[in-house]
PDB file of N, CA and C in Angstrom:
ATOM      1  N   UNK A   1       9.962  45.247 -12.608  1.00  0.00           N
ATOM      2  CA  UNK A   1      11.066  44.328 -12.754  1.00  0.00           C
ATOM      3  C   UNK A   1      11.006  43.241 -11.670  1.00  0.00           C
ATOM      4  N   UNK A   2      10.672  43.627 -10.460  1.00  0.00           N
ATOM      5  CA  UNK A   2      10.588  42.658  -9.374  1.00  0.00           C
ATOM      6  C   UNK A   2       9.461  41.662  -9.627  1.00  0.00           C
ATOM      7  N   UNK A   3       8.339  42.159 -10.158  1.00  0.00           N
ATOM      8  CA  UNK A   3       7.190  41.291 -10.421  1.00  0.00           C
ATOM      9  C   UNK A   3       7.531  40.239 -11.466  1.00  0.00           C
ATOM     10  N   UNK A   4       8.229  40.633 -12.551  1.00  0.00           N
ATOM     11  CA  UNK A   4       8.609  39.675 -13.589  1.00  0.00           C
ATOM     12  C   UNK A   4       9.555  38.614 -13.047  1.00  0.00           C
ATOM     13  N   UNK A   5      10.433  39.009 -12.128  1.00  0.00           N
ATOM     14  CA  UNK A   5      11.365  38.054 -11.527  1.00  0.00           C
ATOM     15  C   UNK A   5      10.621  37.033 -10.678  1.00  0.00           C
ATOM     16  N   UNK A   6       9.647  37.484  -9.906  1.00  0.00           N
ATOM     17  CA  UNK A   6       8.862  36.572  -9.067  1.00  0.00           C
ATOM     18  C   UNK A   6       8.051  35.622  -9.946  1.00  0.00           C
ATOM     19  N   UNK A   7       7.431  36.130 -11.001  1.00  0.00           N
ATOM     20  CA  UNK A   7       6.644  35.287 -11.907  1.00  0.00           C
ATOM     21  C   UNK A   7       7.544  34.249 -12.582  1.00  0.00           C
ATOM     22  N   UNK A   8       8.730  34.656 -13.041  1.00  0.00           N
ATOM     23  CA  UNK A   8       9.652  33.720 -13.682  1.00  0.00           C
ATOM     24  C   UNK A   8      10.139  32.665 -12.692  1.00  0.00           C
ATOM     25  N   UNK A   9      10.401  33.059 -11.457  1.00  0.00           N
ATOM     26  CA  UNK A   9      10.843  32.110 -10.441  1.00  0.00           C
ATOM     27  C   UNK A   9       9.744  31.076 -10.164  1.00  0.00           C
ATOM     28  N   UNK A  10       8.523  31.535 -10.027  1.00  0.00           N
ATOM     29  CA  UNK A  10       7.404  30.616  -9.788  1.00  0.00           C
ATOM     30  C   UNK A  10       7.181  29.690 -10.973  1.00  0.00           C
ATOM     31  N   UNK A  11       7.249  30.247 -12.183  1.00  0.00           N
ATOM     32  CA  UNK A  11       7.000  29.462 -13.382  1.00  0.00           C
ATOM     33  C   UNK A  11       8.039  28.345 -13.542  1.00  0.00           C
ATOM     34  N   UNK A  12       9.283  28.630 -13.238  1.00  0.00           N
ATOM     35  CA  UNK A  12      10.324  27.622 -13.398  1.00  0.00           C
ATOM     36  C   UNK A  12      10.356  26.613 -12.252  1.00  0.00           C
ATOM     37  N   UNK A  13       9.668  26.907 -11.175  1.00  0.00           N
ATOM     38  CA  UNK A  13       9.614  25.976 -10.053  1.00  0.00           C
ATOM     39  C   UNK A  13       8.349  25.124 -10.034  1.00  0.00           C
ATOM     40  N   UNK A  14       7.467  25.294 -10.994  1.00  0.00           N
ATOM     41  CA  UNK A  14       6.235  24.508 -11.038  1.00  0.00           C
ATOM     42  C   UNK A  14       6.519  23.009 -11.110  1.00  0.00           C
ATOM     43  N   UNK A  15       7.438  22.522 -11.972  1.00  0.00           N
ATOM     44  CA  UNK A  15       7.696  21.067 -11.980  1.00  0.00           C
ATOM     45  C   UNK A  15       8.204  20.548 -10.633  1.00  0.00           C
ATOM     46  N   UNK A  16       9.037  21.320  -9.957  1.00  0.00           N
ATOM     47  CA  UNK A  16       9.526  20.898  -8.642  1.00  0.00           C
ATOM     48  C   UNK A  16       8.397  20.847  -7.627  1.00  0.00           C
ATOM     49  N   UNK A  17       7.491  21.816  -7.684  1.00  0.00           N
ATOM     50  CA  UNK A  17       6.356  21.824  -6.764  1.00  0.00           C
ATOM     51  C   UNK A  17       5.429  20.640  -7.020  1.00  0.00           C
ATOM     52  N   UNK A  18       5.233  20.287  -8.285  1.00  0.00           N
ATOM     53  CA  UNK A  18       4.397  19.127  -8.618  1.00  0.00           C
ATOM     54  C   UNK A  18       5.037  17.860  -8.072  1.00  0.00           C
ATOM     55  N   UNK A  19       6.356  17.723  -8.204  1.00  0.00           N
ATOM     56  CA  UNK A  19       7.039  16.537  -7.684  1.00  0.00           C
ATOM     57  C   UNK A  19       6.980  16.476  -6.158  1.00  0.00           C
ATOM     58  N   UNK A  20       7.015  17.618  -5.488  1.00  0.00           N
ATOM     59  CA  UNK A  20       6.894  17.638  -4.029  1.00  0.00           C
ATOM     60  C   UNK A  20       5.489  17.179  -3.620  1.00  0.00           C
ATOM     61  N   UNK A  21       4.459  17.623  -4.339  1.00  0.00           N
ATOM     62  CA  UNK A  21       3.097  17.183  -4.041  1.00  0.00           C
ATOM     63  C   UNK A  21       2.972  15.678  -4.242  1.00  0.00           C
ATOM     64  N   UNK A  22       3.567  15.152  -5.314  1.00  0.00           N
ATOM     65  CA  UNK A  22       3.523  13.705  -5.557  1.00  0.00           C
ATOM     66  C   UNK A  22       4.261  12.961  -4.451  1.00  0.00           C
ATOM     67  N   UNK A  23       5.365  13.510  -3.969  1.00  0.00           N
ATOM     68  CA  UNK A  23       6.106  12.875  -2.877  1.00  0.00           C
ATOM     69  C   UNK A  23       5.276  12.827  -1.604  1.00  0.00           C
ATOM     70  N   UNK A  24       4.547  13.894  -1.309  1.00  0.00           N
ATOM     71  CA  UNK A  24       3.679  13.908  -0.129  1.00  0.00           C
ATOM     72  C   UNK A  24       2.579  12.857  -0.272  1.00  0.00           C
ATOM     73  N   UNK A  25       2.028  12.726  -1.475  1.00  0.00           N
ATOM     74  CA  UNK A  25       1.024  11.693  -1.716  1.00  0.00           C
ATOM     75  C   UNK A  25       1.636  10.308  -1.561  1.00  0.00           C
ATOM     76  N   UNK A  26       2.895  10.159  -1.968  1.00  0.00           N
ATOM     77  CA  UNK A  26       3.564   8.851  -1.917  1.00  0.00           C
ATOM     78  C   UNK A  26       3.722   8.349  -0.487  1.00  0.00           C
ATOM     79  N   UNK A  27       3.808   9.242   0.487  1.00  0.00           N
ATOM     80  CA  UNK A  27       3.922   8.800   1.865  1.00  0.00           C
ATOM     81  C   UNK A  27       2.690   8.028   2.314  1.00  0.00           C
ATOM     82  N   UNK A  28       1.551   8.359   1.763  1.00  0.00           N
ATOM     83  CA  UNK A  28       0.305   7.710   2.170  1.00  0.00           C
ATOM     84  C   UNK A  28      -0.184   6.665   1.169  1.00  0.00           C
ATOM     85  N   UNK A  29      -0.081   6.961  -0.120  1.00  0.00           N
ATOM     86  CA  UNK A  29      -0.635   6.083  -1.157  1.00  0.00           C
ATOM     87  C   UNK A  29       0.416   5.822  -2.233  1.00  0.00           C
ATOM     88  N   UNK A  30       1.106   4.701  -2.134  1.00  0.00           N
ATOM     89  CA  UNK A  30       2.160   4.381  -3.090  1.00  0.00           C
ATOM     90  C   UNK A  30       1.616   4.127  -4.489  1.00  0.00           C
ATOM     91  N   UNK A  31       0.466   3.488  -4.579  1.00  0.00           N
ATOM     92  CA  UNK A  31      -0.080   3.158  -5.891  1.00  0.00           C
ATOM     93  C   UNK A  31      -0.456   4.414  -6.675  1.00  0.00           C
ATOM     94  N   UNK A  32      -1.088   5.363  -6.019  1.00  0.00           N
ATOM     95  CA  UNK A  32      -1.474   6.603  -6.692  1.00  0.00           C
ATOM     96  C   UNK A  32      -0.238   7.420  -7.060  1.00  0.00           C
ATOM     97  N   UNK A  33       0.741   7.475  -6.163  1.00  0.00           N
ATOM     98  CA  UNK A  33       1.962   8.225  -6.445  1.00  0.00           C
ATOM     99  C   UNK A  33       2.707   7.624  -7.630  1.00  0.00           C
ATOM    100  N   UNK A  34       2.748   6.305  -7.716  1.00  0.00           N
ATOM    101  CA  UNK A  34       3.408   5.660  -8.849  1.00  0.00           C
ATOM    102  C   UNK A  34       2.749   6.012 -10.164  1.00  0.00           C
ATOM    103  N   UNK A  35       1.406   5.970 -10.176  1.00  0.00           N
ATOM    104  CA  UNK A  35       0.688   6.322 -11.400  1.00  0.00           C
ATOM    105  C   UNK A  35       0.874   7.802 -11.748  1.00  0.00           C
ATOM    106  N   UNK A  36       0.899   8.671 -10.744  1.00  0.00           N
ATOM    107  CA  UNK A  36       1.090  10.100 -10.999  1.00  0.00           C
ATOM    108  C   UNK A  36       2.470  10.384 -11.579  1.00  0.00           C
ATOM    109  N   UNK A  37       3.500   9.720 -11.057  1.00  0.00           N
ATOM    110  CA  UNK A  37       4.850   9.918 -11.586  1.00  0.00           C
ATOM    111  C   UNK A  37       4.938   9.484 -13.048  1.00  0.00           C
ATOM    112  N   UNK A  38       4.388   8.332 -13.349  1.00  0.00           N
ATOM    113  CA  UNK A  38       4.414   7.853 -14.735  1.00  0.00           C
ATOM    114  C   UNK A  38       3.607   8.791 -15.629  1.00  0.00           C
ATOM    115  N   UNK A  39       2.445   9.222 -15.163  1.00  0.00           N
ATOM    116  CA  UNK A  39       1.592  10.122 -15.948  1.00  0.00           C
ATOM    117  C   UNK A  39       2.273  11.468 -16.204  1.00  0.00           C
ATOM    118  N   UNK A  40       2.886  12.046 -15.176  1.00  0.00           N
ATOM    119  CA  UNK A  40       3.553  13.349 -15.335  1.00  0.00           C
ATOM    120  C   UNK A  40       4.737  13.263 -16.296  1.00  0.00           C
ATOM    121  N   UNK A  41       5.541  12.231 -16.157  1.00  0.00           N
ATOM    122  CA  UNK A  41       6.702  12.087 -17.045  1.00  0.00           C
ATOM    123  C   UNK A  41       6.256  11.839 -18.484  1.00  0.00           C
ATOM    124  N   UNK A  42       5.231  11.020 -18.657  1.00  0.00           N
ATOM    125  CA  UNK A  42       4.727  10.750 -20.001  1.00  0.00           C
ATOM    126  C   UNK A  42       4.119  12.010 -20.615  1.00  0.00           C
ATOM    127  N   UNK A  43       3.353  12.736 -19.825  1.00  0.00           N
ATOM    128  CA  UNK A  43       2.765  13.981 -20.324  1.00  0.00           C
ATOM    129  C   UNK A  43       3.802  15.007 -20.707  1.00  0.00           C
ATOM    130  N   UNK A  44       4.859  15.111 -19.899  1.00  0.00           N
ATOM    131  CA  UNK A  44       5.937  16.047 -20.222  1.00  0.00           C
ATOM    132  C   UNK A  44       6.645  15.619 -21.501  1.00  0.00           C
ATOM    133  N   UNK A  45       6.844  14.313 -21.669  1.00  0.00           N
ATOM    134  CA  UNK A  45       7.475  13.810 -22.888  1.00  0.00           C
ATOM    135  C   UNK A  45       6.622  14.080 -24.122  1.00  0.00           C
ATOM    136  N   UNK A  46       5.328  13.890 -23.993  1.00  0.00           N
ATOM    137  CA  UNK A  46       4.424  14.168 -25.119  1.00  0.00           C
ATOM    138  C   UNK A  46       4.441  15.653 -25.452  1.00  0.00           C
ATOM    139  N   UNK A  47       4.439  16.501 -24.416  1.00  0.00           N
ATOM    140  CA  UNK A  47       4.470  17.943 -24.643  1.00  0.00           C
ATOM    141  C   UNK A  47       5.746  18.353 -25.387  1.00  0.00           C
ATOM    142  N   UNK A  48       6.885  17.801 -24.967  1.00  0.00           N
ATOM    143  CA  UNK A  48       8.137  18.116 -25.655  1.00  0.00           C
ATOM    144  C   UNK A  48       8.167  17.535 -27.058  1.00  0.00           C
ATOM    145  N   UNK A  49       7.582  16.359 -27.233  1.00  0.00           N
ATOM    146  CA  UNK A  49       7.550  15.744 -28.557  1.00  0.00           C
ATOM    147  C   UNK A  49       6.715  16.548 -29.538  1.00  0.00           C
ATOM    148  N   UNK A  50       5.618  17.129 -29.068  1.00  0.00           N
ATOM    149  CA  UNK A  50       4.774  17.940 -29.945  1.00  0.00           C
ATOM    150  C   UNK A  50       5.465  19.232 -30.360  1.00  0.00           C
ATOM    151  N   UNK A  51       6.356  19.736 -29.507  1.00  0.00           N
ATOM    152  CA  UNK A  51       7.088  20.952 -29.840  1.00  0.00           C
ATOM    153  C   UNK A  51       8.353  20.658 -30.637  1.00  0.00           C
ATOM    154  N   UNK A  52       8.669  19.383 -30.836  1.00  0.00           N
ATOM    155  CA  UNK A  52       9.855  19.017 -31.604  1.00  0.00           C
ATOM    156  C   UNK A  52      11.148  19.141 -30.826  1.00  0.00           C
ATOM    157  N   UNK A  53      11.087  19.135 -29.517  1.00  0.00           N
ATOM    158  CA  UNK A  53      12.278  19.307 -28.687  1.00  0.00           C
ATOM    159  C   UNK A  53      12.672  18.034 -27.937  1.00  0.00           C
ATOM    160  N   UNK A  54      12.152  16.897 -28.367  1.00  0.00           N
ATOM    161  CA  UNK A  54      12.439  15.647 -27.685  1.00  0.00           C
ATOM    162  C   UNK A  54      13.753  15.073 -28.205  1.00  0.00           C
ATOM    163  N   UNK A  55      14.728  14.903 -27.306  1.00  0.00           N
ATOM    164  CA  UNK A  55      16.037  14.368 -27.670  1.00  0.00           C
ATOM    165  C   UNK A  55      16.344  13.165 -26.789  1.00  0.00           C
ATOM    166  N   UNK A  56      17.428  12.461 -27.089  1.00  0.00           N
ATOM    167  CA  UNK A  56      17.797  11.265 -26.321  1.00  0.00           C
ATOM    168  C   UNK A  56      18.054  11.607 -24.859  1.00  0.00           C
ATOM    169  N   UNK A  57      18.709  12.713 -24.585  1.00  0.00           N
ATOM    170  CA  UNK A  57      18.964  13.104 -23.201  1.00  0.00           C
ATOM    171  C   UNK A  57      17.684  13.359 -22.432  1.00  0.00           C
ATOM    172  N   UNK A  58      16.710  13.941 -23.118  1.00  0.00           N
ATOM    173  CA  UNK A  58      15.416  14.183 -22.489  1.00  0.00           C
ATOM    174  C   UNK A  58      14.723  12.863 -22.173  1.00  0.00           C
ATOM    175  N   UNK A  59      14.809  11.909 -23.085  1.00  0.00           N
ATOM    176  CA  UNK A  59      14.202  10.604 -22.844  1.00  0.00           C
ATOM    177  C   UNK A  59      14.845   9.907 -21.656  1.00  0.00           C
ATOM    178  N   UNK A  60      16.158  10.049 -21.522  1.00  0.00           N
ATOM    179  CA  UNK A  60      16.852   9.445 -20.388  1.00  0.00           C
ATOM    180  C   UNK A  60      16.391  10.097 -19.085  1.00  0.00           C
ATOM    181  N   UNK A  61      16.267  11.431 -19.080  1.00  0.00           N
ATOM    182  CA  UNK A  61      15.805  12.119 -17.870  1.00  0.00           C
ATOM    183  C   UNK A  61      14.353  11.793 -17.549  1.00  0.00           C
ATOM    184  N   UNK A  62      13.524  11.563 -18.555  1.00  0.00           N
ATOM    185  CA  UNK A  62      12.132  11.196 -18.320  1.00  0.00           C
ATOM    186  C   UNK A  62      12.001   9.751 -17.856  1.00  0.00           C
ATOM    187  N   UNK A  63      12.983   8.928 -18.182  1.00  0.00           N
ATOM    188  CA  UNK A  63      12.927   7.523 -17.773  1.00  0.00           C
ATOM    189  C   UNK A  63      13.075   7.373 -16.265  1.00  0.00           C
ATOM    190  N   UNK A  64      13.749   8.313 -15.609  1.00  0.00           N
ATOM    191  CA  UNK A  64      13.970   8.210 -14.165  1.00  0.00           C
ATOM    192  C   UNK A  64      12.654   8.284 -13.387  1.00  0.00           C
ATOM    193  N   UNK A  65      11.803   9.316 -13.571  1.00  0.00           N
ATOM    194  CA  UNK A  65      10.537   9.308 -12.825  1.00  0.00           C
ATOM    195  C   UNK A  65       9.605   8.172 -13.249  1.00  0.00           C
ATOM    196  N   UNK A  66       9.682   7.734 -14.512  1.00  0.00           N
ATOM    197  CA  UNK A  66       8.868   6.603 -14.929  1.00  0.00           C
ATOM    198  C   UNK A  66       9.307   5.352 -14.174  1.00  0.00           C
ATOM    199  N   UNK A  67      10.607   5.125 -14.076  1.00  0.00           N
ATOM    200  CA  UNK A  67      11.138   3.966 -13.366  1.00  0.00           C
ATOM    201  C   UNK A  67      10.764   4.023 -11.883  1.00  0.00           C
ATOM    202  N   UNK A  68      10.883   5.199 -11.265  1.00  0.00           N
ATOM    203  CA  UNK A  68      10.524   5.342  -9.852  1.00  0.00           C
ATOM    204  C   UNK A  68       9.028   5.104  -9.657  1.00  0.00           C
ATOM    205  N   UNK A  69       8.199   5.601 -10.573  1.00  0.00           N
ATOM    206  CA  UNK A  69       6.764   5.354 -10.492  1.00  0.00           C
ATOM    207  C   UNK A  69       6.432   3.881 -10.612  1.00  0.00           C
ATOM    208  N   UNK A  70       7.132   3.182 -11.493  1.00  0.00           N
ATOM    209  CA  UNK A  70       6.919   1.739 -11.629  1.00  0.00           C
ATOM    210  C   UNK A  70       7.334   1.028 -10.345  1.00  0.00           C
ATOM    211  N   UNK A  71       8.424   1.474  -9.731  1.00  0.00           N
ATOM    212  CA  UNK A  71       8.856   0.867  -8.473  1.00  0.00           C
ATOM    213  C   UNK A  71       7.848   1.115  -7.349  1.00  0.00           C
ATOM    214  N   UNK A  72       7.292   2.322  -7.267  1.00  0.00           N
ATOM    215  CA  UNK A  72       6.255   2.610  -6.268  1.00  0.00           C
ATOM    216  C   UNK A  72       5.059   1.683  -6.465  1.00  0.00           C
ATOM    217  N   UNK A  73       4.601   1.553  -7.702  1.00  0.00           N
ATOM    218  CA  UNK A  73       3.439   0.710  -7.973  1.00  0.00           C
ATOM    219  C   UNK A  73       3.744  -0.758  -7.701  1.00  0.00           C
ATOM    220  N   UNK A  74       4.917  -1.213  -8.112  1.00  0.00           N
ATOM    221  CA  UNK A  74       5.289  -2.611  -7.883  1.00  0.00           C
ATOM    222  C   UNK A  74       5.382  -2.909  -6.391  1.00  0.00           C
ATOM    223  N   UNK A  75       5.945  -1.985  -5.627  1.00  0.00           N
ATOM    224  CA  UNK A  75       6.036  -2.181  -4.184  1.00  0.00           C
ATOM    225  C   UNK A  75       4.648  -2.293  -3.557  1.00  0.00           C
ATOM    226  N   UNK A  76       3.733  -1.463  -4.005  1.00  0.00           N
ATOM    227  CA  UNK A  76       2.382  -1.504  -3.445  1.00  0.00           C
ATOM    228  C   UNK A  76       1.669  -2.807  -3.814  1.00  0.00           C
ATOM    229  N   UNK A  77       1.735  -3.195  -5.070  1.00  0.00           N
ATOM    230  CA  UNK A  77       0.979  -4.364  -5.513  1.00  0.00           C
ATOM    231  C   UNK A  77       1.643  -5.686  -5.145  1.00  0.00           C
ATOM    232  N   UNK A  78       2.976  -5.713  -5.024  1.00  0.00           N
ATOM    233  CA  UNK A  78       3.647  -6.968  -4.669  1.00  0.00           C
ATOM    234  C   UNK A  78       3.696  -7.211  -3.163  1.00  0.00           C
ATOM    235  N   UNK A  79       3.924  -6.137  -2.397  1.00  0.00           N
ATOM    236  CA  UNK A  79       4.095  -6.310  -0.958  1.00  0.00           C
ATOM    237  C   UNK A  79       2.899  -5.823  -0.155  1.00  0.00           C
ATOM    238  N   UNK A  80       1.965  -5.162  -0.776  1.00  0.00           N
ATOM    239  CA  UNK A  80       0.745  -4.724  -0.090  1.00  0.00           C
ATOM    240  C   UNK A  80       0.977  -3.586   0.875  1.00  0.00           C
ATOM    241  N   UNK A  81      -0.124  -3.113   1.424  1.00  0.00           N
ATOM    242  CA  UNK A  81      -0.053  -2.017   2.384  1.00  0.00           C
ATOM    243  C   UNK A  81       0.245  -2.577   3.770  1.00  0.00           C
ATOM    244  N   UNK A  82       0.799  -1.734   4.617  1.00  0.00           N
ATOM    245  CA  UNK A  82       1.092  -2.131   5.999  1.00  0.00           C
ATOM    246  C   UNK A  82      -0.202  -2.328   6.777  1.00  0.00           C
ATOM    247  N   UNK A  83      -0.229  -3.301   7.629  1.00  0.00           N
ATOM    248  CA  UNK A  83      -1.425  -3.584   8.427  1.00  0.00           C
ATOM    249  C   UNK A  83      -1.529  -2.687   9.663  1.00  0.00           C
ATOM    250  N   UNK A  84      -0.425  -2.045  10.071  1.00  0.00           N
ATOM    251  CA  UNK A  84      -0.389  -1.280  11.312  1.00  0.00           C
ATOM    252  C   UNK A  84      -0.778   0.181  11.110  1.00  0.00           C
ATOM    253  N   UNK A  85      -1.592   0.501  10.131  1.00  0.00           N
ATOM    254  CA  UNK A  85      -1.958   1.907   9.911  1.00  0.00           C
ATOM    255  C   UNK A  85      -3.100   2.311  10.755  1.00  0.00           C
TER     256      UNK A  85
END
């Protein structure tokens, strides 16, 4: 019983762990982090769409990481990297 609880806890925290890894990457490389956020949100949307579980609320929730990824990429390409690294 304890093992199933640990496996379920880990399985449900995988998306959060992926977002934490992307955030760590974002501290160093904004362009890559932006593309990863857009890719992850799009992939999750496609996965839900193939299972027939894609609803308007899901699209709204997926739009948030896509928008943040676009902002990361725009910040990198419009304002460039810092020279003091």
